[in-house]
Amino acid sequence: MSRICELTGKGRQVGHNVSHANNKTKRTFLPNLQNVTLLSDALGKGVKLRVSTHGLRSVEHNGGLDNWLMKTGDNLLSDNARKIKKEVAKKLAEKAA
């Protein structure tokens, strides 16, 4: 399983450990990923996702999963999140009609 946030696309970064003698060795910085169940108001159920803590804060700031998905472009989302966004948009269209 890759270490990439399903909502924000945040992944690993590469850098250096730097010693006191200024020796540099390669290392990776991994995102803080959490397995969470986010509630979708439109779908009326919970959705399991692997999300970074930064992504969780973004979802909460935008008023929940449904609002965040509607505001975010498809190119930033994972395949699973894109599928959820399509289901949410369909349910919201049904409620509006």
PDB file of N, CA and C in Angstrom:
ATOM      1  N   MET A   1       0.848  -1.171   0.000  1.00  0.00           N
ATOM      2  CA  MET A   1       0.000   0.000   0.000  1.00  0.00           C
ATOM      3  C   MET A   1       0.895   1.235   0.000  1.00  0.00           C
ATOM      4  N   SER A   2       0.674   2.134  -0.932  1.00  0.00           N
ATOM      5  CA  SER A   2       1.524   3.315  -1.023  1.00  0.00           C
ATOM      6  C   SER A   2       1.171   4.322   0.064  1.00  0.00           C
ATOM      7  N   ARG A   3       2.149   5.116   0.433  1.00  0.00           N
ATOM      8  CA  ARG A   3       1.979   6.094   1.511  1.00  0.00           C
ATOM      9  C   ARG A   3       1.529   7.425   0.921  1.00  0.00           C
ATOM     10  N   ILE A   4       0.299   7.455   0.379  1.00  0.00           N
ATOM     11  CA  ILE A   4      -0.246   8.657  -0.239  1.00  0.00           C
ATOM     12  C   ILE A   4      -1.641   8.911   0.323  1.00  0.00           C
ATOM     13  N   CYS A   5      -1.903  10.166   0.678  1.00  0.00           N
ATOM     14  CA  CYS A   5      -3.218  10.560   1.185  1.00  0.00           C
ATOM     15  C   CYS A   5      -4.241  10.446   0.050  1.00  0.00           C
ATOM     16  N   GLU A   6      -5.385   9.825   0.324  1.00  0.00           N
ATOM     17  CA  GLU A   6      -6.411   9.633  -0.700  1.00  0.00           C
ATOM     18  C   GLU A   6      -7.163  10.913  -1.034  1.00  0.00           C
ATOM     19  N   LEU A   7      -7.120  11.901  -0.147  1.00  0.00           N
ATOM     20  CA  LEU A   7      -7.848  13.141  -0.406  1.00  0.00           C
ATOM     21  C   LEU A   7      -6.959  14.240  -0.976  1.00  0.00           C
ATOM     22  N   THR A   8      -5.793  14.451  -0.390  1.00  0.00           N
ATOM     23  CA  THR A   8      -4.948  15.563  -0.811  1.00  0.00           C
ATOM     24  C   THR A   8      -3.856  15.158  -1.788  1.00  0.00           C
ATOM     25  N   GLY A   9      -3.556  13.858  -1.882  1.00  0.00           N
ATOM     26  CA  GLY A   9      -2.484  13.408  -2.761  1.00  0.00           C
ATOM     27  C   GLY A   9      -1.101  13.599  -2.161  1.00  0.00           C
ATOM     28  N   LYS A  10      -1.047  13.988  -0.904  1.00  0.00           N
ATOM     29  CA  LYS A  10       0.235  14.211  -0.237  1.00  0.00           C
ATOM     30  C   LYS A  10       0.970  12.890  -0.108  1.00  0.00           C
ATOM     31  N   GLY A  11       2.234  12.853  -0.524  1.00  0.00           N
ATOM     32  CA  GLY A  11       3.032  11.631  -0.493  1.00  0.00           C
ATOM     33  C   GLY A  11       4.356  11.843   0.209  1.00  0.00           C
ATOM     34  N   ARG A  12       5.280  10.932  -0.012  1.00  0.00           N
ATOM     35  CA  ARG A  12       6.569  11.030   0.660  1.00  0.00           C
ATOM     36  C   ARG A  12       7.432  12.093   0.004  1.00  0.00           C
ATOM     37  N   GLN A  13       8.336  12.655   0.779  1.00  0.00           N
ATOM     38  CA  GLN A  13       9.307  13.601   0.280  1.00  0.00           C
ATOM     39  C   GLN A  13      10.691  13.066   0.599  1.00  0.00           C
ATOM     40  N   VAL A  14      11.683  13.495  -0.176  1.00  0.00           N
ATOM     41  CA  VAL A  14      13.047  13.021   0.003  1.00  0.00           C
ATOM     42  C   VAL A  14      13.913  14.177   0.469  1.00  0.00           C
ATOM     43  N   GLY A  15      14.824  13.887   1.402  1.00  0.00           N
ATOM     44  CA  GLY A  15      15.732  14.908   1.899  1.00  0.00           C
ATOM     45  C   GLY A  15      16.983  14.269   2.455  1.00  0.00           C
ATOM     46  N   HIS A  16      17.648  14.972   3.343  1.00  0.00           N
ATOM     47  CA  HIS A  16      18.897  14.498   3.925  1.00  0.00           C
ATOM     48  C   HIS A  16      18.843  14.539   5.450  1.00  0.00           C
ATOM     49  N   ASN A  17      19.506  13.554   6.078  1.00  0.00           N
ATOM     50  CA  ASN A  17      19.908  13.684   7.464  1.00  0.00           C
ATOM     51  C   ASN A  17      21.238  14.410   7.430  1.00  0.00           C
ATOM     52  N   VAL A  18      21.402  15.428   8.236  1.00  0.00           N
ATOM     53  CA  VAL A  18      22.647  16.192   8.248  1.00  0.00           C
ATOM     54  C   VAL A  18      23.282  16.053   9.623  1.00  0.00           C
ATOM     55  N   SER A  19      24.509  15.532   9.653  1.00  0.00           N
ATOM     56  CA  SER A  19      25.213  15.335  10.917  1.00  0.00           C
ATOM     57  C   SER A  19      25.886  16.635  11.359  1.00  0.00           C
ATOM     58  N   HIS A  20      26.449  16.597  12.550  1.00  0.00           N
ATOM     59  CA  HIS A  20      27.156  17.764  13.080  1.00  0.00           C
ATOM     60  C   HIS A  20      28.358  18.111  12.190  1.00  0.00           C
ATOM     61  N   ALA A  21      28.952  17.083  11.553  1.00  0.00           N
ATOM     62  CA  ALA A  21      30.079  17.290  10.652  1.00  0.00           C
ATOM     63  C   ALA A  21      29.618  17.648   9.235  1.00  0.00           C
ATOM     64  N   ASN A  22      28.308  17.883   9.090  1.00  0.00           N
ATOM     65  CA  ASN A  22      27.684  18.265   7.805  1.00  0.00           C
ATOM     66  C   ASN A  22      27.726  17.143   6.766  1.00  0.00           C
ATOM     67  N   ASN A  23      27.779  15.870   7.248  1.00  0.00           N
ATOM     68  CA  ASN A  23      27.646  14.739   6.332  1.00  0.00           C
ATOM     69  C   ASN A  23      26.166  14.578   6.008  1.00  0.00           C
ATOM     70  N   LYS A  24      25.873  14.298   4.754  1.00  0.00           N
ATOM     71  CA  LYS A  24      24.474  14.184   4.334  1.00  0.00           C
ATOM     72  C   LYS A  24      24.185  12.758   3.878  1.00  0.00           C
ATOM     73  N   THR A  25      23.114  12.173   4.426  1.00  0.00           N
ATOM     74  CA  THR A  25      22.653  10.857   3.991  1.00  0.00           C
ATOM     75  C   THR A  25      21.187  10.963   3.620  1.00  0.00           C
ATOM     76  N   LYS A  26      20.806  10.250   2.571  1.00  0.00           N
ATOM     77  CA  LYS A  26      19.428  10.312   2.076  1.00  0.00           C
ATOM     78  C   LYS A  26      18.456   9.763   3.106  1.00  0.00           C
ATOM     79  N   ARG A  27      17.269  10.346   3.151  1.00  0.00           N
ATOM     80  CA  ARG A  27      16.185   9.845   3.985  1.00  0.00           C
ATOM     81  C   ARG A  27      14.869  10.259   3.358  1.00  0.00           C
ATOM     82  N   THR A  28      13.782   9.655   3.847  1.00  0.00           N
ATOM     83  CA  THR A  28      12.456  10.025   3.355  1.00  0.00           C
ATOM     84  C   THR A  28      11.626  10.587   4.496  1.00  0.00           C
ATOM     85  N   PHE A  29      10.756  11.515   4.145  1.00  0.00           N
ATOM     86  CA  PHE A  29       9.804  12.088   5.088  1.00  0.00           C
ATOM     87  C   PHE A  29       8.431  11.566   4.680  1.00  0.00           C
ATOM     88  N   LEU A  30       7.816  10.777   5.544  1.00  0.00           N
ATOM     89  CA  LEU A  30       6.526  10.171   5.223  1.00  0.00           C
ATOM     90  C   LEU A  30       5.394  10.999   5.815  1.00  0.00           C
ATOM     91  N   PRO A  31       4.258  11.093   5.103  1.00  0.00           N
ATOM     92  CA  PRO A  31       3.117  11.828   5.654  1.00  0.00           C
ATOM     93  C   PRO A  31       2.491  11.051   6.813  1.00  0.00           C
ATOM     94  N   ASN A  32       1.834  11.784   7.694  1.00  0.00           N
ATOM     95  CA  ASN A  32       1.177  11.181   8.846  1.00  0.00           C
ATOM     96  C   ASN A  32      -0.202  10.683   8.401  1.00  0.00           C
ATOM     97  N   LEU A  33      -0.266   9.451   7.930  1.00  0.00           N
ATOM     98  CA  LEU A  33      -1.514   8.884   7.416  1.00  0.00           C
ATOM     99  C   LEU A  33      -2.278   8.152   8.504  1.00  0.00           C
ATOM    100  N   GLN A  34      -3.592   8.315   8.479  1.00  0.00           N
ATOM    101  CA  GLN A  34      -4.482   7.671   9.441  1.00  0.00           C
ATOM    102  C   GLN A  34      -5.615   6.989   8.677  1.00  0.00           C
ATOM    103  N   ASN A  35      -6.012   5.816   9.149  1.00  0.00           N
ATOM    104  CA  ASN A  35      -7.189   5.149   8.606  1.00  0.00           C
ATOM    105  C   ASN A  35      -8.405   5.709   9.348  1.00  0.00           C
ATOM    106  N   VAL A  36      -9.283   6.395   8.631  1.00  0.00           N
ATOM    107  CA  VAL A  36     -10.427   7.038   9.272  1.00  0.00           C
ATOM    108  C   VAL A  36     -11.706   6.700   8.522  1.00  0.00           C
ATOM    109  N   THR A  37     -12.815   6.829   9.212  1.00  0.00           N
ATOM    110  CA  THR A  37     -14.135   6.713   8.607  1.00  0.00           C
ATOM    111  C   THR A  37     -14.768   8.091   8.674  1.00  0.00           C
ATOM    112  N   LEU A  38     -14.944   8.708   7.513  1.00  0.00           N
ATOM    113  CA  LEU A  38     -15.551  10.034   7.430  1.00  0.00           C
ATOM    114  C   LEU A  38     -17.017   9.879   7.069  1.00  0.00           C
ATOM    115  N   LEU A  39     -17.874  10.614   7.750  1.00  0.00           N
ATOM    116  CA  LEU A  39     -19.308  10.517   7.507  1.00  0.00           C
ATOM    117  C   LEU A  39     -19.713  11.411   6.357  1.00  0.00           C
ATOM    118  N   SER A  40     -20.489  10.860   5.436  1.00  0.00           N
ATOM    119  CA  SER A  40     -21.019  11.617   4.309  1.00  0.00           C
ATOM    120  C   SER A  40     -22.502  11.873   4.570  1.00  0.00           C
ATOM    121  N   ASP A  41     -22.881  13.156   4.628  1.00  0.00           N
ATOM    122  CA  ASP A  41     -24.283  13.504   4.872  1.00  0.00           C
ATOM    123  C   ASP A  41     -25.160  13.112   3.693  1.00  0.00           C
ATOM    124  N   ALA A  42     -24.670  13.311   2.488  1.00  0.00           N
ATOM    125  CA  ALA A  42     -25.468  13.013   1.291  1.00  0.00           C
ATOM    126  C   ALA A  42     -25.713  11.515   1.144  1.00  0.00           C
ATOM    127  N   LEU A  43     -24.671  10.720   1.378  1.00  0.00           N
ATOM    128  CA  LEU A  43     -24.805   9.271   1.227  1.00  0.00           C
ATOM    129  C   LEU A  43     -25.439   8.625   2.452  1.00  0.00           C
ATOM    130  N   GLY A  44     -25.351   9.287   3.590  1.00  0.00           N
ATOM    131  CA  GLY A  44     -25.925   8.746   4.811  1.00  0.00           C
ATOM    132  C   GLY A  44     -25.163   7.572   5.367  1.00  0.00           C
ATOM    133  N   LYS A  45     -23.850   7.521   5.116  1.00  0.00           N
ATOM    134  CA  LYS A  45     -23.038   6.422   5.625  1.00  0.00           C
ATOM    135  C   LYS A  45     -21.597   6.889   5.805  1.00  0.00           C
ATOM    136  N   GLY A  46     -20.815   6.071   6.443  1.00  0.00           N
ATOM    137  CA  GLY A  46     -19.403   6.363   6.642  1.00  0.00           C
ATOM    138  C   GLY A  46     -18.580   5.824   5.494  1.00  0.00           C
ATOM    139  N   VAL A  47     -17.482   6.522   5.189  1.00  0.00           N
ATOM    140  CA  VAL A  47     -16.594   6.120   4.103  1.00  0.00           C
ATOM    141  C   VAL A  47     -15.197   5.944   4.685  1.00  0.00           C
ATOM    142  N   LYS A  48     -14.600   4.752   4.499  1.00  0.00           N
ATOM    143  CA  LYS A  48     -13.264   4.489   5.009  1.00  0.00           C
ATOM    144  C   LYS A  48     -12.224   4.996   4.021  1.00  0.00           C
ATOM    145  N   LEU A  49     -11.296   5.832   4.524  1.00  0.00           N
ATOM    146  CA  LEU A  49     -10.238   6.393   3.701  1.00  0.00           C
ATOM    147  C   LEU A  49      -8.931   6.401   4.483  1.00  0.00           C
ATOM    148  N   ARG A  50      -7.821   6.463   3.760  1.00  0.00           N
ATOM    149  CA  ARG A  50      -6.497   6.626   4.368  1.00  0.00           C
ATOM    150  C   ARG A  50      -6.070   8.058   4.101  1.00  0.00           C
ATOM    151  N   VAL A  51      -6.125   8.890   5.133  1.00  0.00           N
ATOM    152  CA  VAL A  51      -6.003  10.336   4.978  1.00  0.00           C
ATOM    153  C   VAL A  51      -4.887  10.871   5.865  1.00  0.00           C
ATOM    154  N   SER A  52      -4.179  11.882   5.367  1.00  0.00           N
ATOM    155  CA  SER A  52      -3.179  12.561   6.197  1.00  0.00           C
ATOM    156  C   SER A  52      -3.898  13.444   7.209  1.00  0.00           C
ATOM    157  N   THR A  53      -3.208  13.781   8.281  1.00  0.00           N
ATOM    158  CA  THR A  53      -3.812  14.637   9.296  1.00  0.00           C
ATOM    159  C   THR A  53      -4.078  16.026   8.722  1.00  0.00           C
ATOM    160  N   HIS A  54      -3.249  16.471   7.795  1.00  0.00           N
ATOM    161  CA  HIS A  54      -3.492  17.748   7.115  1.00  0.00           C
ATOM    162  C   HIS A  54      -4.797  17.674   6.309  1.00  0.00           C
ATOM    163  N   GLY A  55      -5.039  16.531   5.658  1.00  0.00           N
ATOM    164  CA  GLY A  55      -6.271  16.336   4.910  1.00  0.00           C
ATOM    165  C   GLY A  55      -7.488  16.336   5.812  1.00  0.00           C
ATOM    166  N   LEU A  56      -7.365  15.735   6.989  1.00  0.00           N
ATOM    167  CA  LEU A  56      -8.475  15.725   7.950  1.00  0.00           C
ATOM    168  C   LEU A  56      -8.832  17.147   8.387  1.00  0.00           C
ATOM    169  N   ARG A  57      -7.807  17.964   8.644  1.00  0.00           N
ATOM    170  CA  ARG A  57      -8.049  19.343   9.047  1.00  0.00           C
ATOM    171  C   ARG A  57      -8.731  20.116   7.917  1.00  0.00           C
ATOM    172  N   SER A  58      -8.336  19.844   6.666  1.00  0.00           N
ATOM    173  CA  SER A  58      -8.943  20.519   5.525  1.00  0.00           C
ATOM    174  C   SER A  58     -10.419  20.153   5.399  1.00  0.00           C
ATOM    175  N   VAL A  59     -10.736  18.884   5.609  1.00  0.00           N
ATOM    176  CA  VAL A  59     -12.124  18.424   5.526  1.00  0.00           C
ATOM    177  C   VAL A  59     -12.956  19.102   6.606  1.00  0.00           C
ATOM    178  N   GLU A  60     -12.441  19.146   7.819  1.00  0.00           N
ATOM    179  CA  GLU A  60     -13.169  19.789   8.915  1.00  0.00           C
ATOM    180  C   GLU A  60     -13.345  21.288   8.666  1.00  0.00           C
ATOM    181  N   HIS A  61     -12.329  21.925   8.118  1.00  0.00           N
ATOM    182  CA  HIS A  61     -12.382  23.366   7.853  1.00  0.00           C
ATOM    183  C   HIS A  61     -13.454  23.705   6.813  1.00  0.00           C
ATOM    184  N   ASN A  62     -13.662  22.811   5.835  1.00  0.00           N
ATOM    185  CA  ASN A  62     -14.623  23.050   4.770  1.00  0.00           C
ATOM    186  C   ASN A  62     -16.026  22.540   5.086  1.00  0.00           C
ATOM    187  N   GLY A  63     -16.252  22.076   6.291  1.00  0.00           N
ATOM    188  CA  GLY A  63     -17.606  21.703   6.687  1.00  0.00           C
ATOM    189  C   GLY A  63     -17.996  20.277   6.386  1.00  0.00           C
ATOM    190  N   GLY A  64     -17.051  19.367   6.305  1.00  0.00           N
ATOM    191  CA  GLY A  64     -17.366  17.960   6.116  1.00  0.00           C
ATOM    192  C   GLY A  64     -16.886  17.418   4.780  1.00  0.00           C
ATOM    193  N   LEU A  65     -17.005  16.117   4.655  1.00  0.00           N
ATOM    194  CA  LEU A  65     -16.497  15.408   3.476  1.00  0.00           C
ATOM    195  C   LEU A  65     -17.194  15.841   2.193  1.00  0.00           C
ATOM    196  N   ASP A  66     -18.514  15.973   2.227  1.00  0.00           N
ATOM    197  CA  ASP A  66     -19.258  16.318   1.011  1.00  0.00           C
ATOM    198  C   ASP A  66     -18.835  17.674   0.456  1.00  0.00           C
ATOM    199  N   ASN A  67     -18.765  18.680   1.317  1.00  0.00           N
ATOM    200  CA  ASN A  67     -18.351  20.013   0.865  1.00  0.00           C
ATOM    201  C   ASN A  67     -16.936  20.004   0.328  1.00  0.00           C
ATOM    202  N   TRP A  68     -16.051  19.296   1.004  1.00  0.00           N
ATOM    203  CA  TRP A  68     -14.656  19.273   0.573  1.00  0.00           C
ATOM    204  C   TRP A  68     -14.506  18.606  -0.786  1.00  0.00           C
ATOM    205  N   LEU A  69     -15.224  17.501  -0.990  1.00  0.00           N
ATOM    206  CA  LEU A  69     -15.145  16.802  -2.281  1.00  0.00           C
ATOM    207  C   LEU A  69     -15.682  17.660  -3.419  1.00  0.00           C
ATOM    208  N   MET A  70     -16.766  18.393  -3.164  1.00  0.00           N
ATOM    209  CA  MET A  70     -17.351  19.227  -4.214  1.00  0.00           C
ATOM    210  C   MET A  70     -16.430  20.393  -4.588  1.00  0.00           C
ATOM    211  N   LYS A  71     -15.633  20.887  -3.639  1.00  0.00           N
ATOM    212  CA  LYS A  71     -14.743  22.020  -3.905  1.00  0.00           C
ATOM    213  C   LYS A  71     -13.415  21.598  -4.543  1.00  0.00           C
ATOM    214  N   THR A  72     -13.053  20.322  -4.436  1.00  0.00           N
ATOM    215  CA  THR A  72     -11.749  19.849  -4.880  1.00  0.00           C
ATOM    216  C   THR A  72     -11.826  19.312  -6.303  1.00  0.00           C
ATOM    217  N   GLY A  73     -10.804  19.602  -7.102  1.00  0.00           N
ATOM    218  CA  GLY A  73     -10.738  19.116  -8.479  1.00  0.00           C
ATOM    219  C   GLY A  73     -10.463  17.625  -8.532  1.00  0.00           C
ATOM    220  N   ASP A  74     -10.938  16.983  -9.589  1.00  0.00           N
ATOM    221  CA  ASP A  74     -10.773  15.537  -9.728  1.00  0.00           C
ATOM    222  C   ASP A  74      -9.311  15.121  -9.867  1.00  0.00           C
ATOM    223  N   ASN A  75      -8.477  15.987 -10.429  1.00  0.00           N
ATOM    224  CA  ASN A  75      -7.079  15.606 -10.654  1.00  0.00           C
ATOM    225  C   ASN A  75      -6.297  15.445  -9.351  1.00  0.00           C
ATOM    226  N   LEU A  76      -6.781  16.017  -8.241  1.00  0.00           N
ATOM    227  CA  LEU A  76      -6.100  15.894  -6.952  1.00  0.00           C
ATOM    228  C   LEU A  76      -6.545  14.679  -6.160  1.00  0.00           C
ATOM    229  N   LEU A  77      -7.663  14.067  -6.534  1.00  0.00           N
ATOM    230  CA  LEU A  77      -8.248  12.971  -5.757  1.00  0.00           C
ATOM    231  C   LEU A  77      -7.780  11.607  -6.243  1.00  0.00           C
ATOM    232  N   SER A  78      -7.790  10.628  -5.343  1.00  0.00           N
ATOM    233  CA  SER A  78      -7.503   9.248  -5.723  1.00  0.00           C
ATOM    234  C   SER A  78      -8.718   8.673  -6.456  1.00  0.00           C
ATOM    235  N   ASP A  79      -8.544   7.497  -7.028  1.00  0.00           N
ATOM    236  CA  ASP A  79      -9.649   6.854  -7.752  1.00  0.00           C
ATOM    237  C   ASP A  79     -10.829   6.589  -6.822  1.00  0.00           C
ATOM    238  N   ASN A  80     -10.541   6.129  -5.613  1.00  0.00           N
ATOM    239  CA  ASN A  80     -11.593   5.841  -4.632  1.00  0.00           C
ATOM    240  C   ASN A  80     -12.342   7.119  -4.253  1.00  0.00           C
ATOM    241  N   ALA A  81     -11.604   8.208  -4.016  1.00  0.00           N
ATOM    242  CA  ALA A  81     -12.236   9.476  -3.641  1.00  0.00           C
ATOM    243  C   ALA A  81     -13.047  10.048  -4.805  1.00  0.00           C
ATOM    244  N   ARG A  82     -12.569   9.865  -6.046  1.00  0.00           N
ATOM    245  CA  ARG A  82     -13.310  10.332  -7.221  1.00  0.00           C
ATOM    246  C   ARG A  82     -14.644   9.597  -7.347  1.00  0.00           C
ATOM    247  N   LYS A  83     -14.618   8.306  -7.034  1.00  0.00           N
ATOM    248  CA  LYS A  83     -15.842   7.499  -7.075  1.00  0.00           C
ATOM    249  C   LYS A  83     -16.843   7.991  -6.030  1.00  0.00           C
ATOM    250  N   ILE A  84     -16.350   8.296  -4.841  1.00  0.00           N
ATOM    251  CA  ILE A  84     -17.215   8.808  -3.769  1.00  0.00           C
ATOM    252  C   ILE A  84     -17.783  10.166  -4.170  1.00  0.00           C
ATOM    253  N   LYS A  85     -16.949  11.009  -4.780  1.00  0.00           N
ATOM    254  CA  LYS A  85     -17.401  12.336  -5.204  1.00  0.00           C
ATOM    255  C   LYS A  85     -18.528  12.213  -6.233  1.00  0.00           C
ATOM    256  N   LYS A  86     -18.412  11.266  -7.145  1.00  0.00           N
ATOM    257  CA  LYS A  86     -19.442  11.063  -8.156  1.00  0.00           C
ATOM    258  C   LYS A  86     -20.761  10.631  -7.518  1.00  0.00           C
ATOM    259  N   GLU A  87     -20.679   9.736  -6.513  1.00  0.00           N
ATOM    260  CA  GLU A  87     -21.883   9.290  -5.803  1.00  0.00           C
ATOM    261  C   GLU A  87     -22.531  10.446  -5.045  1.00  0.00           C
ATOM    262  N   VAL A  88     -21.708  11.277  -4.392  1.00  0.00           N
ATOM    263  CA  VAL A  88     -22.220  12.419  -3.631  1.00  0.00           C
ATOM    264  C   VAL A  88     -22.900  13.403  -4.574  1.00  0.00           C
ATOM    265  N   ALA A  89     -22.268  13.685  -5.717  1.00  0.00           N
ATOM    266  CA  ALA A  89     -22.843  14.640  -6.675  1.00  0.00           C
ATOM    267  C   ALA A  89     -24.188  14.125  -7.191  1.00  0.00           C
ATOM    268  N   LYS A  90     -24.271  12.823  -7.413  1.00  0.00           N
ATOM    269  CA  LYS A  90     -25.526  12.215  -7.896  1.00  0.00           C
ATOM    270  C   LYS A  90     -26.627  12.363  -6.849  1.00  0.00           C
ATOM    271  N   LYS A  91     -26.297  12.080  -5.577  1.00  0.00           N
ATOM    272  CA  LYS A  91     -27.298  12.192  -4.498  1.00  0.00           C
ATOM    273  C   LYS A  91     -27.745  13.643  -4.318  1.00  0.00           C
ATOM    274  N   LEU A  92     -26.777  14.584  -4.386  1.00  0.00           N
ATOM    275  CA  LEU A  92     -27.133  15.996  -4.230  1.00  0.00           C
ATOM    276  C   LEU A  92     -28.004  16.484  -5.383  1.00  0.00           C
ATOM    277  N   ALA A  93     -27.765  15.985  -6.597  1.00  0.00           N
ATOM    278  CA  ALA A  93     -28.583  16.347  -7.754  1.00  0.00           C
ATOM    279  C   ALA A  93     -29.994  15.809  -7.597  1.00  0.00           C
ATOM    280  N   GLU A  94     -30.125  14.601  -7.048  1.00  0.00           N
ATOM    281  CA  GLU A  94     -31.444  13.993  -6.819  1.00  0.00           C
ATOM    282  C   GLU A  94     -32.235  14.809  -5.794  1.00  0.00           C
ATOM    283  N   LYS A  95     -31.550  15.267  -4.730  1.00  0.00           N
ATOM    284  CA  LYS A  95     -32.224  16.043  -3.692  1.00  0.00           C
ATOM    285  C   LYS A  95     -32.646  17.414  -4.207  1.00  0.00           C
ATOM    286  N   ALA A  96     -31.848  17.993  -5.114  1.00  0.00           N
ATOM    287  CA  ALA A  96     -32.158  19.330  -5.645  1.00  0.00           C
ATOM    288  C   ALA A  96     -33.333  19.262  -6.616  1.00  0.00           C
ATOM    289  N   ALA A  97     -33.482  18.147  -7.310  1.00  0.00           N
ATOM    290  CA  ALA A  97     -34.560  18.020  -8.313  1.00  0.00           C
ATOM    291  C   ALA A  97     -35.893  17.664  -7.700  1.00  0.00           C
TER     292      ALA A  97
END
